[in-house]
C-alpha atoms as a PDB file:
ATOM      1  CA  UNK A   1     -32.779 -12.493 -73.864  1.00  0.00           C
ATOM      2  CA  UNK A   2     -32.369 -12.039 -70.130  1.00  0.00           C
ATOM      3  CA  UNK A   3     -30.250  -9.145 -68.938  1.00  0.00           C
ATOM      4  CA  UNK A   4     -27.185  -9.725 -66.813  1.00  0.00           C
ATOM      5  CA  UNK A   5     -26.680  -8.160 -63.389  1.00  0.00           C
ATOM      6  CA  UNK A   6     -24.170  -5.766 -64.994  1.00  0.00           C
ATOM      7  CA  UNK A   7     -26.708  -4.665 -67.628  1.00  0.00           C
ATOM      8  CA  UNK A   8     -29.381  -4.066 -64.984  1.00  0.00           C
ATOM      9  CA  UNK A   9     -26.888  -1.942 -63.020  1.00  0.00           C
ATOM     10  CA  UNK A  10     -26.244   0.154 -66.120  1.00  0.00           C
ATOM     11  CA  UNK A  11     -29.978   0.592 -66.776  1.00  0.00           C
ATOM     12  CA  UNK A  12     -30.678   1.636 -63.169  1.00  0.00           C
ATOM     13  CA  UNK A  13     -27.900   4.243 -63.232  1.00  0.00           C
ATOM     14  CA  UNK A  14     -29.297   5.614 -66.477  1.00  0.00           C
ATOM     15  CA  UNK A  15     -32.814   5.734 -65.004  1.00  0.00           C
ATOM     16  CA  UNK A  16     -31.743   7.787 -61.992  1.00  0.00           C
ATOM     17  CA  UNK A  17     -29.702  10.225 -64.022  1.00  0.00           C
ATOM     18  CA  UNK A  18     -26.239   8.758 -63.917  1.00  0.00           C
ATOM     19  CA  UNK A  19     -25.382   9.796 -60.376  1.00  0.00           C
ATOM     20  CA  UNK A  20     -21.946   8.224 -60.718  1.00  0.00           C
ATOM     21  CA  UNK A  21     -19.601   9.845 -63.204  1.00  0.00           C
ATOM     22  CA  UNK A  22     -17.741   6.547 -63.509  1.00  0.00           C
ATOM     23  CA  UNK A  23     -18.970   4.232 -66.265  1.00  0.00           C
ATOM     24  CA  UNK A  24     -20.049   0.709 -65.359  1.00  0.00           C
ATOM     25  CA  UNK A  25     -17.038  -1.581 -65.898  1.00  0.00           C
ATOM     26  CA  UNK A  26     -17.093  -3.799 -68.972  1.00  0.00           C
ATOM     27  CA  UNK A  27     -17.632  -7.557 -69.086  1.00  0.00           C
ATOM     28  CA  UNK A  28     -15.179  -9.440 -66.915  1.00  0.00           C
ATOM     29  CA  UNK A  29     -14.331  -6.464 -64.675  1.00  0.00           C
ATOM     30  CA  UNK A  30     -15.640  -6.160 -61.076  1.00  0.00           C
ATOM     31  CA  UNK A  31     -17.528  -3.130 -59.758  1.00  0.00           C
ATOM     32  CA  UNK A  32     -15.554  -0.940 -57.323  1.00  0.00           C
ATOM     33  CA  UNK A  33     -17.190   2.535 -57.390  1.00  0.00           C
ATOM     34  CA  UNK A  34     -18.858   3.243 -54.011  1.00  0.00           C
ATOM     35  CA  UNK A  35     -22.153   4.520 -55.425  1.00  0.00           C
ATOM     36  CA  UNK A  36     -22.398   1.678 -57.915  1.00  0.00           C
ATOM     37  CA  UNK A  37     -21.804  -0.766 -55.051  1.00  0.00           C
ATOM     38  CA  UNK A  38     -24.769   0.762 -53.230  1.00  0.00           C
ATOM     39  CA  UNK A  39     -26.970   0.318 -56.313  1.00  0.00           C
ATOM     40  CA  UNK A  40     -25.739  -3.286 -56.594  1.00  0.00           C
ATOM     41  CA  UNK A  41     -27.040  -3.818 -53.071  1.00  0.00           C
ATOM     42  CA  UNK A  42     -30.461  -2.477 -54.123  1.00  0.00           C
ATOM     43  CA  UNK A  43     -30.486  -4.775 -57.171  1.00  0.00           C
ATOM     44  CA  UNK A  44     -29.686  -7.818 -55.027  1.00  0.00           C
ATOM     45  CA  UNK A  45     -32.479  -6.959 -52.576  1.00  0.00           C
ATOM     46  CA  UNK A  46     -35.068  -6.691 -55.341  1.00  0.00           C
ATOM     47  CA  UNK A  47     -33.758  -9.770 -57.151  1.00  0.00           C
ATOM     48  CA  UNK A  48     -34.351 -11.783 -53.993  1.00  0.00           C
ATOM     49  CA  UNK A  49     -37.784 -10.218 -53.442  1.00  0.00           C
ATOM     50  CA  UNK A  50     -38.844 -10.985 -57.014  1.00  0.00           C
ATOM     51  CA  UNK A  51     -37.505 -14.561 -56.739  1.00  0.00           C
ATOM     52  CA  UNK A  52     -39.598 -15.096 -53.595  1.00  0.00           C
ATOM     53  CA  UNK A  53     -42.771 -13.671 -55.167  1.00  0.00           C
ATOM     54  CA  UNK A  54     -43.529 -16.619 -57.464  1.00  0.00           C
ATOM     55  CA  UNK A  55     -42.456 -20.102 -58.416  1.00  0.00           C
ATOM     56  CA  UNK A  56     -40.774 -18.966 -61.617  1.00  0.00           C
ATOM     57  CA  UNK A  57     -40.542 -21.782 -64.134  1.00  0.00           C
ATOM     58  CA  UNK A  58     -37.145 -20.457 -65.257  1.00  0.00           C
ATOM     59  CA  UNK A  59     -35.722 -21.597 -61.900  1.00  0.00           C
ATOM     60  CA  UNK A  60     -37.149 -25.113 -61.820  1.00  0.00           C
ATOM     61  CA  UNK A  61     -34.463 -27.776 -61.566  1.00  0.00           C
ATOM     62  CA  UNK A  62     -34.748 -31.539 -61.243  1.00  0.00           C
ATOM     63  CA  UNK A  63     -32.243 -32.803 -58.691  1.00  0.00           C
ATOM     64  CA  UNK A  64     -31.304 -36.472 -59.118  1.00  0.00           C
ATOM     65  CA  UNK A  65     -30.281 -37.398 -55.593  1.00  0.00           C
ATOM     66  CA  UNK A  66     -28.310 -40.619 -55.105  1.00  0.00           C
ATOM     67  CA  UNK A  67     -29.816 -41.618 -51.765  1.00  0.00           C
ATOM     68  CA  UNK A  68     -27.456 -43.919 -49.896  1.00  0.00           C
ATOM     69  CA  UNK A  69     -29.099 -46.957 -48.346  1.00  0.00           C
ATOM     70  CA  UNK A  70     -28.120 -50.282 -46.916  1.00  0.00           C
ATOM     71  CA  UNK A  71     -25.083 -51.350 -44.940  1.00  0.00           C
ATOM     72  CA  UNK A  72     -21.442 -50.421 -45.546  1.00  0.00           C
ATOM     73  CA  UNK A  73     -19.030 -53.134 -44.475  1.00  0.00           C
ATOM     74  CA  UNK A  74     -15.532 -52.201 -43.279  1.00  0.00           C
ATOM     75  CA  UNK A  75     -12.429 -54.175 -44.237  1.00  0.00           C
ATOM     76  CA  UNK A  76     -11.417 -54.316 -40.562  1.00  0.00           C
ATOM     77  CA  UNK A  77     -13.267 -53.715 -37.272  1.00  0.00           C
ATOM     78  CA  UNK A  78     -13.397 -50.072 -36.201  1.00  0.00           C
ATOM     79  CA  UNK A  79     -12.509 -49.766 -32.532  1.00  0.00           C
ATOM     80  CA  UNK A  80     -13.088 -47.091 -29.878  1.00  0.00           C
ATOM     81  CA  UNK A  81     -11.136 -43.932 -30.590  1.00  0.00           C
ATOM     82  CA  UNK A  82     -11.152 -44.405 -34.376  1.00  0.00           C
ATOM     83  CA  UNK A  83     -11.738 -41.444 -36.701  1.00  0.00           C
ATOM     84  CA  UNK A  84     -11.390 -43.302 -40.001  1.00  0.00           C
ATOM     85  CA  UNK A  85     -12.184 -46.598 -41.644  1.00  0.00           C
ATOM     86  CA  UNK A  86     -11.911 -48.400 -44.969  1.00  0.00           C
ATOM     87  CA  UNK A  87     -14.934 -49.644 -46.894  1.00  0.00           C
ATOM     88  CA  UNK A  88     -14.934 -53.084 -48.469  1.00  0.00           C
ATOM     89  CA  UNK A  89     -16.462 -51.561 -51.632  1.00  0.00           C
ATOM     90  CA  UNK A  90     -15.642 -48.156 -53.130  1.00  0.00           C
ATOM     91  CA  UNK A  91     -18.242 -45.450 -52.502  1.00  0.00           C
ATOM     92  CA  UNK A  92     -20.463 -45.113 -55.633  1.00  0.00           C
ATOM     93  CA  UNK A  93     -22.240 -41.857 -54.769  1.00  0.00           C
ATOM     94  CA  UNK A  94     -21.511 -38.130 -54.939  1.00  0.00           C
ATOM     95  CA  UNK A  95     -18.546 -36.897 -52.897  1.00  0.00           C
ATOM     96  CA  UNK A  96     -19.775 -35.199 -49.729  1.00  0.00           C
ATOM     97  CA  UNK A  97     -20.743 -35.504 -46.066  1.00  0.00           C
ATOM     98  CA  UNK A  98     -23.180 -38.213 -44.963  1.00  0.00           C
ATOM     99  CA  UNK A  99     -24.601 -39.565 -41.709  1.00  0.00           C
ATOM    100  CA  UNK A 100     -23.292 -42.971 -40.611  1.00  0.00           C
ATOM    101  CA  UNK A 101     -24.964 -45.120 -37.946  1.00  0.00           C
ATOM    102  CA  UNK A 102     -22.294 -47.573 -36.732  1.00  0.00           C
ATOM    103  CA  UNK A 103     -23.371 -51.068 -35.633  1.00  0.00           C
ATOM    104  CA  UNK A 104     -21.596 -50.813 -32.286  1.00  0.00           C
ATOM    105  CA  UNK A 105     -22.864 -50.391 -28.744  1.00  0.00           C
ATOM    106  CA  UNK A 106     -24.270 -52.899 -26.312  1.00  0.00           C
ATOM    107  CA  UNK A 107     -27.672 -52.649 -27.970  1.00  0.00           C
ATOM    108  CA  UNK A 108     -29.151 -51.295 -31.179  1.00  0.00           C
ATOM    109  CA  UNK A 109     -30.428 -48.198 -29.387  1.00  0.00           C
ATOM    110  CA  UNK A 110     -26.948 -46.996 -28.450  1.00  0.00           C
ATOM    111  CA  UNK A 111     -24.837 -46.744 -31.619  1.00  0.00           C
ATOM    112  CA  UNK A 112     -22.384 -44.031 -32.627  1.00  0.00           C
ATOM    113  CA  UNK A 113     -23.777 -41.649 -35.228  1.00  0.00           C
ATOM    114  CA  UNK A 114     -21.251 -39.521 -37.094  1.00  0.00           C
ATOM    115  CA  UNK A 115     -21.092 -37.116 -40.022  1.00  0.00           C
ATOM    116  CA  UNK A 116     -18.576 -38.838 -42.303  1.00  0.00           C
ATOM    117  CA  UNK A 117     -16.764 -37.709 -45.425  1.00  0.00           C
ATOM    118  CA  UNK A 118     -17.025 -39.986 -48.454  1.00  0.00           C
ATOM    119  CA  UNK A 119     -15.383 -39.616 -51.859  1.00  0.00           C
ATOM    120  CA  UNK A 120     -16.726 -41.044 -55.087  1.00  0.00           C
ATOM    121  CA  UNK A 121     -14.742 -44.095 -56.186  1.00  0.00           C
ATOM    122  CA  UNK A 122     -12.756 -44.245 -52.922  1.00  0.00           C
ATOM    123  CA  UNK A 123     -12.939 -46.587 -49.926  1.00  0.00           C
ATOM    124  CA  UNK A 124     -11.671 -44.142 -47.279  1.00  0.00           C
ATOM    125  CA  UNK A 125     -14.132 -42.877 -44.645  1.00  0.00           C
ATOM    126  CA  UNK A 126     -13.209 -40.124 -42.174  1.00  0.00           C
ATOM    127  CA  UNK A 127     -15.015 -38.270 -39.374  1.00  0.00           C
ATOM    128  CA  UNK A 128     -14.150 -35.835 -36.559  1.00  0.00           C
ATOM    129  CA  UNK A 129     -15.375 -37.181 -33.195  1.00  0.00           C
ATOM    130  CA  UNK A 130     -13.952 -40.599 -32.379  1.00  0.00           C
ATOM    131  CA  UNK A 131     -16.438 -43.436 -31.931  1.00  0.00           C
ATOM    132  CA  UNK A 132     -16.914 -44.478 -28.308  1.00  0.00           C
ATOM    133  CA  UNK A 133     -19.622 -47.141 -28.062  1.00  0.00           C
ATOM    134  CA  UNK A 134     -17.636 -50.250 -28.941  1.00  0.00           C
ATOM    135  CA  UNK A 135     -16.254 -51.999 -32.005  1.00  0.00           C
ATOM    136  CA  UNK A 136     -18.113 -51.589 -35.318  1.00  0.00           C
ATOM    137  CA  UNK A 137     -17.872 -53.835 -38.368  1.00  0.00           C
ATOM    138  CA  UNK A 138     -20.318 -51.921 -40.586  1.00  0.00           C
ATOM    139  CA  UNK A 139     -22.520 -48.814 -40.698  1.00  0.00           C
ATOM    140  CA  UNK A 140     -25.860 -47.851 -42.175  1.00  0.00           C
ATOM    141  CA  UNK A 141     -26.528 -44.510 -43.784  1.00  0.00           C
ATOM    142  CA  UNK A 142     -28.643 -42.186 -41.654  1.00  0.00           C
ATOM    143  CA  UNK A 143     -32.200 -41.217 -42.530  1.00  0.00           C
ATOM    144  CA  UNK A 144     -31.137 -37.645 -43.342  1.00  0.00           C
ATOM    145  CA  UNK A 145     -28.838 -36.937 -46.272  1.00  0.00           C
ATOM    146  CA  UNK A 146     -27.754 -33.833 -48.148  1.00  0.00           C
ATOM    147  CA  UNK A 147     -29.686 -33.052 -51.342  1.00  0.00           C
ATOM    148  CA  UNK A 148     -27.021 -32.999 -54.026  1.00  0.00           C
ATOM    149  CA  UNK A 149     -27.512 -33.616 -57.719  1.00  0.00           C
ATOM    150  CA  UNK A 150     -25.519 -36.690 -58.733  1.00  0.00           C
ATOM    151  CA  UNK A 151     -25.038 -35.329 -62.285  1.00  0.00           C
ATOM    152  CA  UNK A 152     -23.817 -31.780 -61.623  1.00  0.00           C
ATOM    153  CA  UNK A 153     -22.868 -31.888 -57.937  1.00  0.00           C
ATOM    154  CA  UNK A 154     -25.100 -28.825 -57.375  1.00  0.00           C
ATOM    155  CA  UNK A 155     -27.108 -28.366 -54.183  1.00  0.00           C
ATOM    156  CA  UNK A 156     -30.218 -26.260 -53.466  1.00  0.00           C
ATOM    157  CA  UNK A 157     -29.901 -23.176 -51.268  1.00  0.00           C
ATOM    158  CA  UNK A 158     -31.976 -22.116 -48.272  1.00  0.00           C
ATOM    159  CA  UNK A 159     -34.297 -20.011 -50.459  1.00  0.00           C
ATOM    160  CA  UNK A 160     -35.225 -23.005 -52.614  1.00  0.00           C
ATOM    161  CA  UNK A 161     -38.794 -24.319 -52.771  1.00  0.00           C
ATOM    162  CA  UNK A 162     -40.188 -27.748 -53.471  1.00  0.00           C
ATOM    163  CA  UNK A 163     -42.535 -27.686 -56.470  1.00  0.00           C
ATOM    164  CA  UNK A 164     -45.973 -29.018 -55.507  1.00  0.00           C
ATOM    165  CA  UNK A 165     -49.097 -29.763 -57.559  1.00  0.00           C
ATOM    166  CA  UNK A 166     -52.679 -30.455 -56.512  1.00  0.00           C
ATOM    167  CA  UNK A 167     -53.443 -34.167 -56.844  1.00  0.00           C
ATOM    168  CA  UNK A 168     -57.199 -34.943 -56.975  1.00  0.00           C
ATOM    169  CA  UNK A 169     -56.605 -38.582 -55.998  1.00  0.00           C
ATOM    170  CA  UNK A 170     -55.169 -37.534 -52.636  1.00  0.00           C
ATOM    171  CA  UNK A 171     -57.195 -34.361 -52.199  1.00  0.00           C
ATOM    172  CA  UNK A 172     -54.082 -32.313 -51.426  1.00  0.00           C
ATOM    173  CA  UNK A 173     -50.905 -30.921 -52.931  1.00  0.00           C
ATOM    174  CA  UNK A 174     -48.122 -33.405 -53.643  1.00  0.00           C
ATOM    175  CA  UNK A 175     -44.453 -32.557 -53.984  1.00  0.00           C
ATOM    176  CA  UNK A 176     -42.890 -33.557 -57.307  1.00  0.00           C
ATOM    177  CA  UNK A 177     -40.570 -36.112 -55.740  1.00  0.00           C
ATOM    178  CA  UNK A 178     -40.135 -39.539 -57.309  1.00  0.00           C
ATOM    179  CA  UNK A 179     -38.144 -42.711 -56.786  1.00  0.00           C
ATOM    180  CA  UNK A 180     -36.751 -43.351 -60.283  1.00  0.00           C
ATOM    181  CA  UNK A 181     -34.353 -46.167 -59.396  1.00  0.00           C
ATOM    182  CA  UNK A 182     -35.875 -49.160 -61.149  1.00  0.00           C
ATOM    183  CA  UNK A 183     -39.578 -48.574 -61.719  1.00  0.00           C
ATOM    184  CA  UNK A 184     -40.889 -48.387 -65.271  1.00  0.00           C
ATOM    185  CA  UNK A 185     -43.141 -45.589 -64.024  1.00  0.00           C
ATOM    186  CA  UNK A 186     -41.499 -43.419 -61.338  1.00  0.00           C
ATOM    187  CA  UNK A 187     -42.842 -44.014 -57.846  1.00  0.00           C
ATOM    188  CA  UNK A 188     -44.302 -40.869 -56.250  1.00  0.00           C
ATOM    189  CA  UNK A 189     -43.059 -40.354 -52.695  1.00  0.00           C
ATOM    190  CA  UNK A 190     -45.456 -38.823 -50.197  1.00  0.00           C
ATOM    191  CA  UNK A 191     -44.372 -35.602 -48.510  1.00  0.00           C
ATOM    192  CA  UNK A 192     -45.219 -35.326 -44.825  1.00  0.00           C
ATOM    193  CA  UNK A 193     -44.556 -32.821 -42.032  1.00  0.00           C
ATOM    194  CA  UNK A 194     -41.001 -32.918 -40.745  1.00  0.00           C
ATOM    195  CA  UNK A 195     -42.204 -33.626 -37.201  1.00  0.00           C
ATOM    196  CA  UNK A 196     -44.022 -36.738 -38.462  1.00  0.00           C
ATOM    197  CA  UNK A 197     -40.910 -38.071 -40.183  1.00  0.00           C
ATOM    198  CA  UNK A 198     -38.822 -37.522 -37.062  1.00  0.00           C
ATOM    199  CA  UNK A 199     -41.491 -39.161 -34.875  1.00  0.00           C
ATOM    200  CA  UNK A 200     -41.856 -42.272 -37.044  1.00  0.00           C
ATOM    201  CA  UNK A 201     -38.104 -42.790 -37.331  1.00  0.00           C
ATOM    202  CA  UNK A 202     -37.492 -42.260 -33.618  1.00  0.00           C
ATOM    203  CA  UNK A 203     -40.442 -44.203 -32.185  1.00  0.00           C
ATOM    204  CA  UNK A 204     -40.937 -47.011 -34.673  1.00  0.00           C
ATOM    205  CA  UNK A 205     -37.230 -47.489 -35.518  1.00  0.00           C
ATOM    206  CA  UNK A 206     -38.301 -49.729 -38.384  1.00  0.00           C
ATOM    207  CA  UNK A 207     -35.933 -52.181 -40.058  1.00  0.00           C
ATOM    208  CA  UNK A 208     -34.797 -50.758 -43.436  1.00  0.00           C
ATOM    209  CA  UNK A 209     -36.976 -51.842 -46.344  1.00  0.00           C
ATOM    210  CA  UNK A 210     -36.417 -52.008 -50.096  1.00  0.00           C
ATOM    211  CA  UNK A 211     -37.594 -48.471 -50.751  1.00  0.00           C
ATOM    212  CA  UNK A 212     -38.813 -45.485 -48.775  1.00  0.00           C
ATOM    213  CA  UNK A 213     -42.317 -44.088 -49.170  1.00  0.00           C
ATOM    214  CA  UNK A 214     -42.360 -40.801 -47.221  1.00  0.00           C
ATOM    215  CA  UNK A 215     -40.044 -37.840 -46.910  1.00  0.00           C
ATOM    216  CA  UNK A 216     -39.543 -34.291 -45.652  1.00  0.00           C
ATOM    217  CA  UNK A 217     -37.202 -31.543 -46.789  1.00  0.00           C
ATOM    218  CA  UNK A 218     -35.133 -30.034 -43.993  1.00  0.00           C
ATOM    219  CA  UNK A 219     -33.536 -26.607 -44.385  1.00  0.00           C
ATOM    220  CA  UNK A 220     -30.569 -26.526 -42.022  1.00  0.00           C
ATOM    221  CA  UNK A 221     -29.796 -22.901 -42.840  1.00  0.00           C
ATOM    222  CA  UNK A 222     -26.590 -21.633 -44.457  1.00  0.00           C
ATOM    223  CA  UNK A 223     -27.750 -23.077 -47.809  1.00  0.00           C
ATOM    224  CA  UNK A 224     -27.807 -26.680 -46.579  1.00  0.00           C
ATOM    225  CA  UNK A 225     -30.998 -28.563 -47.511  1.00  0.00           C
ATOM    226  CA  UNK A 226     -31.385 -32.201 -46.487  1.00  0.00           C
ATOM    227  CA  UNK A 227     -33.701 -35.016 -47.502  1.00  0.00           C
ATOM    228  CA  UNK A 228     -35.188 -36.944 -44.554  1.00  0.00           C
ATOM    229  CA  UNK A 229     -36.929 -40.198 -45.443  1.00  0.00           C
ATOM    230  CA  UNK A 230     -39.116 -42.858 -43.821  1.00  0.00           C
ATOM    231  CA  UNK A 231     -38.703 -45.754 -43.588  1.00  0.00           C
ATOM    232  CA  UNK A 232     -34.971 -46.141 -44.217  1.00  0.00           C
ATOM    233  CA  UNK A 233     -34.024 -47.950 -47.409  1.00  0.00           C
ATOM    234  CA  UNK A 234     -31.809 -51.039 -47.331  1.00  0.00           C
ATOM    235  CA  UNK A 235     -30.345 -50.286 -50.746  1.00  0.00           C
ATOM    236  CA  UNK A 236     -29.260 -47.293 -52.794  1.00  0.00           C
ATOM    237  CA  UNK A 237     -32.056 -45.318 -54.470  1.00  0.00           C
ATOM    238  CA  UNK A 238     -32.167 -42.492 -56.999  1.00  0.00           C
ATOM    239  CA  UNK A 239     -34.672 -39.810 -55.980  1.00  0.00           C
ATOM    240  CA  UNK A 240     -35.745 -37.103 -58.438  1.00  0.00           C
ATOM    241  CA  UNK A 241     -36.811 -33.876 -56.705  1.00  0.00           C
ATOM    242  CA  UNK A 242     -38.182 -30.909 -58.664  1.00  0.00           C
ATOM    243  CA  UNK A 243     -37.292 -27.639 -56.940  1.00  0.00           C
ATOM    244  CA  UNK A 244     -37.261 -23.931 -57.612  1.00  0.00           C
ATOM    245  CA  UNK A 245     -33.669 -22.925 -56.939  1.00  0.00           C
ATOM    246  CA  UNK A 246     -33.031 -19.148 -56.917  1.00  0.00           C
ATOM    247  CA  UNK A 247     -29.699 -17.728 -57.949  1.00  0.00           C
ATOM    248  CA  UNK A 248     -27.470 -16.750 -55.004  1.00  0.00           C
ATOM    249  CA  UNK A 249     -26.838 -13.137 -54.041  1.00  0.00           C
ATOM    250  CA  UNK A 250     -24.420 -11.781 -56.624  1.00  0.00           C
ATOM    251  CA  UNK A 251     -21.220 -10.160 -55.433  1.00  0.00           C
ATOM    252  CA  UNK A 252     -20.103  -7.021 -57.336  1.00  0.00           C
ATOM    253  CA  UNK A 253     -16.601  -8.510 -57.148  1.00  0.00           C
ATOM    254  CA  UNK A 254     -17.613 -11.683 -58.982  1.00  0.00           C
ATOM    255  CA  UNK A 255     -17.415 -11.761 -62.786  1.00  0.00           C
ATOM    256  CA  UNK A 256     -18.855 -15.249 -63.215  1.00  0.00           C
ATOM    257  CA  UNK A 257     -21.179 -15.893 -66.151  1.00  0.00           C
ATOM    258  CA  UNK A 258     -22.737 -19.260 -65.294  1.00  0.00           C
ATOM    259  CA  UNK A 259     -26.493 -19.795 -65.148  1.00  0.00           C
ATOM    260  CA  UNK A 260     -26.775 -23.251 -63.502  1.00  0.00           C
ATOM    261  CA  UNK A 261     -25.392 -25.110 -61.656  1.00  0.00           C
ATOM    262  CA  UNK A 262     -24.175 -22.225 -59.553  1.00  0.00           C
ATOM    263  CA  UNK A 263     -21.310 -23.809 -57.612  1.00  0.00           C
ATOM    264  CA  UNK A 264     -19.979 -20.345 -56.803  1.00  0.00           C
ATOM    265  CA  UNK A 265     -19.712 -19.297 -60.442  1.00  0.00           C
ATOM    266  CA  UNK A 266     -22.706 -16.959 -60.735  1.00  0.00           C
ATOM    267  CA  UNK A 267     -21.683 -13.309 -61.039  1.00  0.00           C
ATOM    268  CA  UNK A 268     -22.099  -9.929 -62.721  1.00  0.00           C
ATOM    269  CA  UNK A 269     -22.183 -11.488 -66.186  1.00  0.00           C
ATOM    270  CA  UNK A 270     -24.718 -14.231 -65.400  1.00  0.00           C
ATOM    271  CA  UNK A 271     -28.205 -13.835 -66.919  1.00  0.00           C
ATOM    272  CA  UNK A 272     -30.815 -12.968 -64.286  1.00  0.00           C
ATOM    273  CA  UNK A 273     -33.521 -15.627 -64.607  1.00  0.00           C
ATOM    274  CA  UNK A 274     -36.483 -13.757 -63.104  1.00  0.00           C
ATOM    275  CA  UNK A 275     -38.230 -10.757 -64.768  1.00  0.00           C
ATOM    276  CA  UNK A 276     -35.514  -8.140 -65.183  1.00  0.00           C
ATOM    277  CA  UNK A 277     -37.905  -5.227 -65.563  1.00  0.00           C
ATOM    278  CA  UNK A 278     -39.277  -5.688 -62.047  1.00  0.00           C
ATOM    279  CA  UNK A 279     -35.776  -5.630 -60.559  1.00  0.00           C
ATOM    280  CA  UNK A 280     -34.875  -2.536 -62.581  1.00  0.00           C
ATOM    281  CA  UNK A 281     -38.005  -0.670 -61.478  1.00  0.00           C
ATOM    282  CA  UNK A 282     -37.521  -1.571 -57.820  1.00  0.00           C
ATOM    283  CA  UNK A 283     -33.810  -0.721 -57.701  1.00  0.00           C
ATOM    284  CA  UNK A 284     -34.431   2.598 -59.521  1.00  0.00           C
ATOM    285  CA  UNK A 285     -37.150   3.475 -57.006  1.00  0.00           C
ATOM    286  CA  UNK A 286     -34.815   2.720 -54.085  1.00  0.00           C
ATOM    287  CA  UNK A 287     -31.957   4.667 -55.649  1.00  0.00           C
ATOM    288  CA  UNK A 288     -34.134   7.750 -56.142  1.00  0.00           C
ATOM    289  CA  UNK A 289     -35.562   7.449 -52.631  1.00  0.00           C
ATOM    290  CA  UNK A 290     -32.068   7.221 -51.191  1.00  0.00           C
ATOM    291  CA  UNK A 291     -31.271  10.544 -52.864  1.00  0.00           C
ATOM    292  CA  UNK A 292     -34.536  12.102 -51.713  1.00  0.00           C
ATOM    293  CA  UNK A 293     -35.906  12.207 -55.279  1.00  0.00           C
ATOM    294  CA  UNK A 294     -38.465   9.390 -55.194  1.00  0.00           C
ATOM    295  CA  UNK A 295     -41.027  11.575 -56.961  1.00  0.00           C
ATOM    296  CA  UNK A 296     -38.574  12.660 -59.610  1.00  0.00           C
ATOM    297  CA  UNK A 297     -38.270  11.539 -63.238  1.00  0.00           C
ATOM    298  CA  UNK A 298     -42.021  12.082 -63.709  1.00  0.00           C
ATOM    299  CA  UNK A 299     -42.842   9.433 -61.114  1.00  0.00           C
ATOM    300  CA  UNK A 300     -41.730   6.597 -63.418  1.00  0.00           C
ATOM    301  CA  UNK A 301     -39.993   4.700 -60.611  1.00  0.00           C
ATOM    302  CA  UNK A 302     -42.245   4.331 -57.601  1.00  0.00           C
ATOM    303  CA  UNK A 303     -43.336   1.526 -55.329  1.00  0.00           C
ATOM    304  CA  UNK A 304     -46.692   1.324 -57.125  1.00  0.00           C
ATOM    305  CA  UNK A 305     -45.065   0.882 -60.530  1.00  0.00           C
ATOM    306  CA  UNK A 306     -42.800  -1.821 -59.139  1.00  0.00           C
ATOM    307  CA  UNK A 307     -45.640  -3.693 -57.400  1.00  0.00           C
ATOM    308  CA  UNK A 308     -47.878  -3.583 -60.480  1.00  0.00           C
ATOM    309  CA  UNK A 309     -45.090  -4.853 -62.710  1.00  0.00           C
ATOM    310  CA  UNK A 310     -44.335  -7.688 -60.288  1.00  0.00           C
ATOM    311  CA  UNK A 311     -47.999  -8.711 -60.022  1.00  0.00           C
ATOM    312  CA  UNK A 312     -48.287  -8.767 -63.813  1.00  0.00           C
ATOM    313  CA  UNK A 313     -45.125 -10.857 -64.175  1.00  0.00           C
ATOM    314  CA  UNK A 314     -46.247 -13.410 -61.579  1.00  0.00           C
ATOM    315  CA  UNK A 315     -49.665 -13.755 -63.225  1.00  0.00           C
ATOM    316  CA  UNK A 316     -48.113 -14.215 -66.672  1.00  0.00           C
ATOM    317  CA  UNK A 317     -45.649 -16.831 -65.457  1.00  0.00           C
ATOM    318  CA  UNK A 318     -48.385 -18.789 -63.665  1.00  0.00           C
ATOM    319  CA  UNK A 319     -50.466 -18.738 -66.819  1.00  0.00           C
ATOM    320  CA  UNK A 320     -47.581 -20.053 -68.896  1.00  0.00           C
ATOM    321  CA  UNK A 321     -47.051 -22.917 -66.434  1.00  0.00           C
ATOM    322  CA  UNK A 322     -50.545 -24.251 -67.129  1.00  0.00           C
ATOM    323  CA  UNK A 323     -53.114 -25.860 -64.845  1.00  0.00           C
ATOM    324  CA  UNK A 324     -52.188 -26.280 -61.191  1.00  0.00           C
ATOM    325  CA  UNK A 325     -54.174 -29.560 -60.991  1.00  0.00           C
ATOM    326  CA  UNK A 326     -52.010 -32.647 -61.415  1.00  0.00           C
ATOM    327  CA  UNK A 327     -52.913 -34.950 -64.281  1.00  0.00           C
ATOM    328  CA  UNK A 328     -53.466 -38.420 -62.862  1.00  0.00           C
ATOM    329  CA  UNK A 329     -53.497 -41.676 -64.777  1.00  0.00           C
END
């Protein structure tokens, strides 16, 4: 069974000789001791380093993204200066912020584009900057939308990675991203460089089609990851994206116990999903070094021991995942 952050903290303090005379607080109680807070910082640093070292199968998640396509008709024309509108049909997707391209302006190349707030099951649409290019009667969803799982409401963070496999048919790695809307066999979307997706959408400005074929993942920073597609779809699609989603940095003040989806609930009592031993070795090494005793305790906690343990764990996890060549039918 995986250790929790709190258990790793206790193990590290034991390894370095119990430098704090205060016992680690029990389950459900935050950490407040100054030295223990410093060790918590070491544990977080090594947790993030270990998470970045491999594509740990324990962190794979399939995100079912309800990609919004097609046109949204308003019940009444939206005029200059408006910051809200009412949809003719209630919004069927996940509550959140989306890009709207209004059908106003003197030509199709000069519409208003706004980040709008939509709520599942509601018809109200709101945005911040008033539209200014003329009256709009409808709006299309933009080509870039937030990746958000329609089942859990969870979103990937900025340290997330797309899972890719080598596909012999294409002679390159393919991201595990599929359109699963209606096909009996999911349709594999083709990943392409972000610059290509931007270029095609800007230059070709193609009329929306039934389904999109290409995509890019766009990390906006601050744990916002978007899906950018080409060409735009003229109807709603469900896109399944397999990603490695690391746990967030854990606050010593948080006593959450959730594993996934995070949604702010991960904390001291959540199981750590990557190899715990590597984190313990690394944090113990840092703690001893901080005290000037890095060669103490018979040299059990050194950089070499940590690196060797991490290499072994990555190799084992890759072996358990199986062949890196995609099976093709």
